[in-house]
Full PDB file with SEQRES, HELIX, SHEET, SSBOND, CRYST1, ORIGX, SCALE, CONECT and MASTER records, all heavy atoms in Angstrom:
SEQRES   1 A   29  LYS SER VAL LYS MET THR SER GLY LEU GLY LEU SER PHE          
SEQRES   2 A   29  MET PHE ARG ALA ALA VAL GLU GLY LYS ALA PRO LYS ARG          
SEQRES   3 A   29  GLY ALA SER                                                  
HELIX    1 AA1 SER A    2  ALA A   18  1                                  17    
CRYST1    1.000    1.000    1.000  90.00  90.00  90.00 P 1           1          
ORIGX1      1.000000  0.000000  0.000000        0.00000                         
ORIGX2      0.000000  1.000000  0.000000        0.00000                         
ORIGX3      0.000000  0.000000  1.000000        0.00000                         
SCALE1      1.000000  0.000000  0.000000        0.00000                         
SCALE2      0.000000  1.000000  0.000000        0.00000                         
SCALE3      0.000000  0.000000  1.000000        0.00000                         
ATOM      1  N   LYS A   1      54.170   0.766 -42.363  1.00  0.00           N  
ATOM      2  CA  LYS A   1      55.523   1.348 -42.304  1.00  0.00           C  
ATOM      3  C   LYS A   1      56.433   0.400 -41.488  1.00  0.00           C  
ATOM      4  O   LYS A   1      57.621   0.246 -41.835  1.00  0.00           O  
ATOM      5  CB  LYS A   1      55.513   2.771 -41.627  1.00  0.00           C  
ATOM      6  CG  LYS A   1      55.070   3.841 -42.481  1.00  0.00           C  
ATOM      7  CD  LYS A   1      55.208   5.207 -41.762  1.00  0.00           C  
ATOM      8  CE  LYS A   1      55.090   6.347 -42.646  1.00  0.00           C  
ATOM      9  NZ  LYS A   1      55.319   7.573 -41.937  1.00  0.00           N  
ATOM     10  N   SER A   2      55.896  -0.169 -40.409  1.00  0.00           N  
ATOM     11  CA  SER A   2      56.714  -1.050 -39.635  1.00  0.00           C  
ATOM     12  C   SER A   2      57.161  -2.329 -40.467  1.00  0.00           C  
ATOM     13  O   SER A   2      58.300  -2.791 -40.333  1.00  0.00           O  
ATOM     14  CB  SER A   2      56.057  -1.438 -38.397  1.00  0.00           C  
ATOM     15  OG  SER A   2      54.835  -2.125 -38.690  1.00  0.00           O  
ATOM     16  N   VAL A   3      56.262  -2.868 -41.286  1.00  0.00           N  
ATOM     17  CA  VAL A   3      56.590  -3.990 -42.103  1.00  0.00           C  
ATOM     18  C   VAL A   3      57.637  -3.620 -43.131  1.00  0.00           C  
ATOM     19  O   VAL A   3      58.587  -4.364 -43.367  1.00  0.00           O  
ATOM     20  CB  VAL A   3      55.305  -4.574 -42.812  1.00  0.00           C  
ATOM     21  CG1 VAL A   3      55.679  -5.674 -43.776  1.00  0.00           C  
ATOM     22  CG2 VAL A   3      54.326  -5.090 -41.720  1.00  0.00           C  
ATOM     23  N   LYS A   4      57.437  -2.459 -43.757  1.00  0.00           N  
ATOM     24  CA  LYS A   4      58.397  -1.997 -44.732  1.00  0.00           C  
ATOM     25  C   LYS A   4      59.818  -1.789 -44.127  1.00  0.00           C  
ATOM     26  O   LYS A   4      60.778  -2.158 -44.718  1.00  0.00           O  
ATOM     27  CB  LYS A   4      57.906  -0.672 -45.395  1.00  0.00           C  
ATOM     28  CG  LYS A   4      58.669  -0.314 -46.606  1.00  0.00           C  
ATOM     29  CD  LYS A   4      57.953   0.867 -47.326  1.00  0.00           C  
ATOM     30  CE  LYS A   4      58.545   1.074 -48.637  1.00  0.00           C  
ATOM     31  NZ  LYS A   4      57.902   2.081 -49.406  1.00  0.00           N  
ATOM     32  N   MET A   5      59.842  -1.201 -42.908  1.00  0.00           N  
ATOM     33  CA  MET A   5      61.128  -1.013 -42.270  1.00  0.00           C  
ATOM     34  C   MET A   5      61.733  -2.309 -41.872  1.00  0.00           C  
ATOM     35  O   MET A   5      62.972  -2.496 -42.004  1.00  0.00           O  
ATOM     36  CB  MET A   5      60.914  -0.070 -40.995  1.00  0.00           C  
ATOM     37  CG  MET A   5      62.266   0.174 -40.312  1.00  0.00           C  
ATOM     38  SD  MET A   5      63.525   0.978 -41.310  1.00  0.00           S  
ATOM     39  CE  MET A   5      62.885   2.589 -41.425  1.00  0.00           C  
ATOM     40  N   THR A   6      60.984  -3.266 -41.378  1.00  0.00           N  
ATOM     41  CA  THR A   6      61.536  -4.558 -40.959  1.00  0.00           C  
ATOM     42  C   THR A   6      62.144  -5.246 -42.170  1.00  0.00           C  
ATOM     43  O   THR A   6      63.289  -5.690 -42.078  1.00  0.00           O  
ATOM     44  CB  THR A   6      60.406  -5.468 -40.379  1.00  0.00           C  
ATOM     45  OG1 THR A   6      59.813  -4.802 -39.273  1.00  0.00           O  
ATOM     46  CG2 THR A   6      60.956  -6.729 -39.978  1.00  0.00           C  
ATOM     47  N   SER A   7      61.443  -5.328 -43.309  1.00  0.00           N  
ATOM     48  CA  SER A   7      61.981  -6.016 -44.427  1.00  0.00           C  
ATOM     49  C   SER A   7      63.130  -5.262 -45.106  1.00  0.00           C  
ATOM     50  O   SER A   7      64.121  -5.805 -45.425  1.00  0.00           O  
ATOM     51  CB  SER A   7      60.880  -6.382 -45.433  1.00  0.00           C  
ATOM     52  OG  SER A   7      60.228  -5.211 -45.866  1.00  0.00           O  
ATOM     53  N   GLY A   8      62.913  -3.949 -45.204  1.00  0.00           N  
ATOM     54  CA  GLY A   8      63.930  -3.129 -45.885  1.00  0.00           C  
ATOM     55  C   GLY A   8      65.213  -3.089 -45.088  1.00  0.00           C  
ATOM     56  O   GLY A   8      66.318  -3.138 -45.673  1.00  0.00           O  
ATOM     57  N   LEU A   9      65.187  -2.939 -43.764  1.00  0.00           N  
ATOM     58  CA  LEU A   9      66.377  -2.852 -42.927  1.00  0.00           C  
ATOM     59  C   LEU A   9      67.056  -4.249 -42.867  1.00  0.00           C  
ATOM     60  O   LEU A   9      68.307  -4.337 -42.898  1.00  0.00           O  
ATOM     61  CB  LEU A   9      66.028  -2.345 -41.570  1.00  0.00           C  
ATOM     62  CG  LEU A   9      67.216  -1.879 -40.726  1.00  0.00           C  
ATOM     63  CD1 LEU A   9      68.057  -0.868 -41.437  1.00  0.00           C  
ATOM     64  CD2 LEU A   9      66.699  -1.337 -39.414  1.00  0.00           C  
ATOM     65  N   GLY A  10      66.301  -5.264 -42.835  1.00  0.00           N  
ATOM     66  CA  GLY A  10      66.861  -6.599 -42.910  1.00  0.00           C  
ATOM     67  C   GLY A  10      67.660  -6.836 -44.161  1.00  0.00           C  
ATOM     68  O   GLY A  10      68.736  -7.374 -44.207  1.00  0.00           O  
ATOM     69  N   LEU A  11      67.081  -6.427 -45.323  1.00  0.00           N  
ATOM     70  CA  LEU A  11      67.775  -6.549 -46.612  1.00  0.00           C  
ATOM     71  C   LEU A  11      68.990  -5.634 -46.646  1.00  0.00           C  
ATOM     72  O   LEU A  11      70.030  -6.011 -47.167  1.00  0.00           O  
ATOM     73  CB  LEU A  11      66.833  -6.175 -47.734  1.00  0.00           C  
ATOM     74  CG  LEU A  11      65.721  -7.188 -48.020  1.00  0.00           C  
ATOM     75  CD1 LEU A  11      64.700  -6.635 -49.005  1.00  0.00           C  
ATOM     76  CD2 LEU A  11      66.274  -8.481 -48.491  1.00  0.00           C  
ATOM     77  N   SER A  12      68.907  -4.454 -46.093  1.00  0.00           N  
ATOM     78  CA  SER A  12      70.025  -3.562 -46.058  1.00  0.00           C  
ATOM     79  C   SER A  12      71.205  -4.118 -45.214  1.00  0.00           C  
ATOM     80  O   SER A  12      72.345  -4.051 -45.640  1.00  0.00           O  
ATOM     81  CB  SER A  12      69.638  -2.236 -45.452  1.00  0.00           C  
ATOM     82  OG  SER A  12      70.679  -1.255 -45.517  1.00  0.00           O  
ATOM     83  N   PHE A  13      70.848  -4.736 -44.088  1.00  0.00           N  
ATOM     84  CA  PHE A  13      71.865  -5.352 -43.240  1.00  0.00           C  
ATOM     85  C   PHE A  13      72.522  -6.519 -44.035  1.00  0.00           C  
ATOM     86  O   PHE A  13      73.707  -6.687 -44.002  1.00  0.00           O  
ATOM     87  CB  PHE A  13      71.284  -5.895 -41.948  1.00  0.00           C  
ATOM     88  CG  PHE A  13      71.446  -4.923 -40.784  1.00  0.00           C  
ATOM     89  CD1 PHE A  13      70.508  -3.924 -40.606  1.00  0.00           C  
ATOM     90  CD2 PHE A  13      72.439  -5.095 -39.859  1.00  0.00           C  
ATOM     91  CE1 PHE A  13      70.676  -3.017 -39.525  1.00  0.00           C  
ATOM     92  CE2 PHE A  13      72.601  -4.240 -38.812  1.00  0.00           C  
ATOM     93  CZ  PHE A  13      71.712  -3.216 -38.644  1.00  0.00           C  
ATOM     94  N   MET A  14      71.706  -7.346 -44.644  1.00  0.00           N  
ATOM     95  CA  MET A  14      72.259  -8.478 -45.372  1.00  0.00           C  
ATOM     96  C   MET A  14      73.163  -8.066 -46.511  1.00  0.00           C  
ATOM     97  O   MET A  14      74.211  -8.621 -46.774  1.00  0.00           O  
ATOM     98  CB  MET A  14      71.152  -9.407 -45.861  1.00  0.00           C  
ATOM     99  CG  MET A  14      70.486 -10.233 -44.782  1.00  0.00           C  
ATOM    100  SD  MET A  14      69.288 -11.431 -45.397  1.00  0.00           S  
ATOM    101  CE  MET A  14      67.918 -10.368 -45.696  1.00  0.00           C  
ATOM    102  N   PHE A  15      72.759  -7.070 -47.241  1.00  0.00           N  
ATOM    103  CA  PHE A  15      73.472  -6.523 -48.361  1.00  0.00           C  
ATOM    104  C   PHE A  15      74.819  -5.967 -47.902  1.00  0.00           C  
ATOM    105  O   PHE A  15      75.891  -6.157 -48.494  1.00  0.00           O  
ATOM    106  CB  PHE A  15      72.667  -5.459 -49.126  1.00  0.00           C  
ATOM    107  CG  PHE A  15      73.350  -4.942 -50.348  1.00  0.00           C  
ATOM    108  CD1 PHE A  15      73.277  -5.578 -51.529  1.00  0.00           C  
ATOM    109  CD2 PHE A  15      74.110  -3.725 -50.315  1.00  0.00           C  
ATOM    110  CE1 PHE A  15      73.906  -5.102 -52.699  1.00  0.00           C  
ATOM    111  CE2 PHE A  15      74.738  -3.271 -51.499  1.00  0.00           C  
ATOM    112  CZ  PHE A  15      74.669  -3.983 -52.663  1.00  0.00           C  
ATOM    113  N   ARG A  16      74.741  -5.233 -46.768  1.00  0.00           N  
ATOM    114  CA  ARG A  16      75.989  -4.641 -46.207  1.00  0.00           C  
ATOM    115  C   ARG A  16      76.968  -5.745 -45.808  1.00  0.00           C  
ATOM    116  O   ARG A  16      78.167  -5.562 -46.100  1.00  0.00           O  
ATOM    117  CB  ARG A  16      75.608  -3.853 -44.908  1.00  0.00           C  
ATOM    118  CG  ARG A  16      76.740  -3.027 -44.376  1.00  0.00           C  
ATOM    119  CD  ARG A  16      76.854  -1.771 -45.173  1.00  0.00           C  
ATOM    120  NE  ARG A  16      77.684  -0.813 -44.523  1.00  0.00           N  
ATOM    121  CZ  ARG A  16      78.590  -0.029 -45.105  1.00  0.00           C  
ATOM    122  NH1 ARG A  16      78.687  -0.114 -46.389  1.00  0.00           N  
ATOM    123  NH2 ARG A  16      79.273   0.814 -44.430  1.00  0.00           N  
ATOM    124  N   ALA A  17      76.525  -6.847 -45.332  1.00  0.00           N  
ATOM    125  CA  ALA A  17      77.397  -7.941 -44.912  1.00  0.00           C  
ATOM    126  C   ALA A  17      77.858  -8.777 -46.067  1.00  0.00           C  
ATOM    127  O   ALA A  17      79.051  -9.024 -46.270  1.00  0.00           O  
ATOM    128  CB  ALA A  17      76.744  -8.841 -43.875  1.00  0.00           C  
ATOM    129  N   ALA A  18      76.909  -9.213 -46.923  1.00  0.00           N  
ATOM    130  CA  ALA A  18      77.251 -10.133 -48.016  1.00  0.00           C  
ATOM    131  C   ALA A  18      77.959  -9.501 -49.177  1.00  0.00           C  
ATOM    132  O   ALA A  18      78.890 -10.041 -49.741  1.00  0.00           O  
ATOM    133  CB  ALA A  18      75.969 -10.822 -48.472  1.00  0.00           C  
ATOM    134  N   VAL A  19      77.498  -8.329 -49.650  1.00  0.00           N  
ATOM    135  CA  VAL A  19      78.017  -7.716 -50.808  1.00  0.00           C  
ATOM    136  C   VAL A  19      79.094  -6.692 -50.498  1.00  0.00           C  
ATOM    137  O   VAL A  19      80.176  -6.666 -51.117  1.00  0.00           O  
ATOM    138  CB  VAL A  19      76.909  -7.067 -51.610  1.00  0.00           C  
ATOM    139  CG1 VAL A  19      77.419  -6.334 -52.826  1.00  0.00           C  
ATOM    140  CG2 VAL A  19      75.858  -8.088 -52.006  1.00  0.00           C  
ATOM    141  N   GLU A  20      78.868  -5.858 -49.509  1.00  0.00           N  
ATOM    142  CA  GLU A  20      79.853  -4.831 -49.161  1.00  0.00           C  
ATOM    143  C   GLU A  20      80.901  -5.275 -48.196  1.00  0.00           C  
ATOM    144  O   GLU A  20      81.870  -4.563 -47.963  1.00  0.00           O  
ATOM    145  CB  GLU A  20      79.130  -3.597 -48.682  1.00  0.00           C  
ATOM    146  CG  GLU A  20      78.189  -3.010 -49.637  1.00  0.00           C  
ATOM    147  CD  GLU A  20      77.278  -1.918 -49.139  1.00  0.00           C  
ATOM    148  OE1 GLU A  20      77.050  -1.785 -47.881  1.00  0.00           O  
ATOM    149  OE2 GLU A  20      76.779  -1.123 -49.964  1.00  0.00           O  
ATOM    150  N   GLY A  21      80.726  -6.412 -47.610  1.00  0.00           N  
ATOM    151  CA  GLY A  21      81.723  -7.051 -46.748  1.00  0.00           C  
ATOM    152  C   GLY A  21      81.928  -6.407 -45.370  1.00  0.00           C  
ATOM    153  O   GLY A  21      82.972  -6.518 -44.732  1.00  0.00           O  
ATOM    154  N   LYS A  22      80.921  -5.657 -44.897  1.00  0.00           N  
ATOM    155  CA  LYS A  22      80.993  -5.005 -43.667  1.00  0.00           C  
ATOM    156  C   LYS A  22      80.092  -5.684 -42.676  1.00  0.00           C  
ATOM    157  O   LYS A  22      78.884  -5.697 -42.814  1.00  0.00           O  
ATOM    158  CB  LYS A  22      80.556  -3.515 -43.815  1.00  0.00           C  
ATOM    159  CG  LYS A  22      80.558  -2.776 -42.535  1.00  0.00           C  
ATOM    160  CD  LYS A  22      81.562  -1.628 -42.610  1.00  0.00           C  
ATOM    161  CE  LYS A  22      81.494  -0.892 -41.268  1.00  0.00           C  
ATOM    162  NZ  LYS A  22      82.455   0.029 -41.030  1.00  0.00           N  
ATOM    163  N   ALA A  23      80.683  -6.335 -41.644  1.00  0.00           N  
ATOM    164  CA  ALA A  23      79.868  -7.089 -40.646  1.00  0.00           C  
ATOM    165  C   ALA A  23      79.138  -6.091 -39.722  1.00  0.00           C  
ATOM    166  O   ALA A  23      79.671  -5.025 -39.339  1.00  0.00           O  
ATOM    167  CB  ALA A  23      80.808  -7.961 -39.820  1.00  0.00           C  
ATOM    168  N   PRO A  24      77.938  -6.406 -39.301  1.00  0.00           N  
ATOM    169  CA  PRO A  24      77.240  -5.521 -38.381  1.00  0.00           C  
ATOM    170  C   PRO A  24      77.878  -5.479 -36.999  1.00  0.00           C  
ATOM    171  O   PRO A  24      78.611  -6.422 -36.582  1.00  0.00           O  
ATOM    172  CB  PRO A  24      75.830  -6.174 -38.241  1.00  0.00           C  
ATOM    173  CG  PRO A  24      75.869  -7.464 -38.907  1.00  0.00           C  
ATOM    174  CD  PRO A  24      77.162  -7.521 -39.679  1.00  0.00           C  
ATOM    175  N   LYS A  25      77.712  -4.334 -36.310  1.00  0.00           N  
ATOM    176  CA  LYS A  25      78.242  -4.216 -35.024  1.00  0.00           C  
ATOM    177  C   LYS A  25      77.570  -5.124 -34.021  1.00  0.00           C  
ATOM    178  O   LYS A  25      76.489  -5.635 -34.339  1.00  0.00           O  
ATOM    179  CB  LYS A  25      78.092  -2.738 -34.523  1.00  0.00           C  
ATOM    180  CG  LYS A  25      78.875  -1.760 -35.296  1.00  0.00           C  
ATOM    181  CD  LYS A  25      78.848  -0.390 -34.723  1.00  0.00           C  
ATOM    182  CE  LYS A  25      77.402   0.052 -34.463  1.00  0.00           C  
ATOM    183  NZ  LYS A  25      77.280   1.434 -33.998  1.00  0.00           N  
ATOM    184  N   ARG A  26      78.174  -5.310 -32.849  1.00  0.00           N  
ATOM    185  CA  ARG A  26      77.645  -6.197 -31.898  1.00  0.00           C  
ATOM    186  C   ARG A  26      76.200  -5.871 -31.454  1.00  0.00           C  
ATOM    187  O   ARG A  26      75.420  -6.691 -31.259  1.00  0.00           O  
ATOM    188  CB  ARG A  26      78.569  -6.161 -30.706  1.00  0.00           C  
ATOM    189  CG  ARG A  26      78.225  -7.184 -29.657  1.00  0.00           C  
ATOM    190  CD  ARG A  26      79.269  -7.180 -28.559  1.00  0.00           C  
ATOM    191  NE  ARG A  26      79.045  -8.295 -27.703  1.00  0.00           N  
ATOM    192  CZ  ARG A  26      79.879  -8.755 -26.818  1.00  0.00           C  
ATOM    193  NH1 ARG A  26      81.007  -8.107 -26.598  1.00  0.00           N  
ATOM    194  NH2 ARG A  26      79.558  -9.735 -26.031  1.00  0.00           N  
ATOM    195  N   GLY A  27      75.863  -4.599 -31.324  1.00  0.00           N  
ATOM    196  CA  GLY A  27      74.544  -4.205 -30.872  1.00  0.00           C  
ATOM    197  C   GLY A  27      73.566  -3.922 -32.001  1.00  0.00           C  
ATOM    198  O   GLY A  27      72.517  -3.322 -31.758  1.00  0.00           O  
ATOM    199  N   ALA A  28      73.833  -4.402 -33.180  1.00  0.00           N  
ATOM    200  CA  ALA A  28      72.988  -4.010 -34.332  1.00  0.00           C  
ATOM    201  C   ALA A  28      71.567  -4.610 -34.193  1.00  0.00           C  
ATOM    202  O   ALA A  28      70.612  -3.984 -34.634  1.00  0.00           O  
ATOM    203  CB  ALA A  28      73.665  -4.532 -35.607  1.00  0.00           C  
ATOM    204  N   SER A  29      71.453  -5.721 -33.569  1.00  0.00           N  
ATOM    205  CA  SER A  29      70.087  -6.291 -33.395  1.00  0.00           C  
ATOM    206  C   SER A  29      69.216  -5.430 -32.516  1.00  0.00           C  
ATOM    207  O   SER A  29      67.980  -5.316 -32.739  1.00  0.00           O  
ATOM    208  CB  SER A  29      70.180  -7.663 -32.864  1.00  0.00           C  
ATOM    209  OG  SER A  29      70.662  -7.643 -31.538  1.00  0.00           O  
TER     210      SER A  29                                                      
MASTER        0    0    0    1    0    0    0    6  209    1    0    3          
END                                                                             
């Protein structure tokens, strides 16, 4: 589950920034 969350959330963050144009908040990491 931790591996799935790591990869899935990383992809979700990248998609949000690259495709949807919404930059992550300062504390997102």
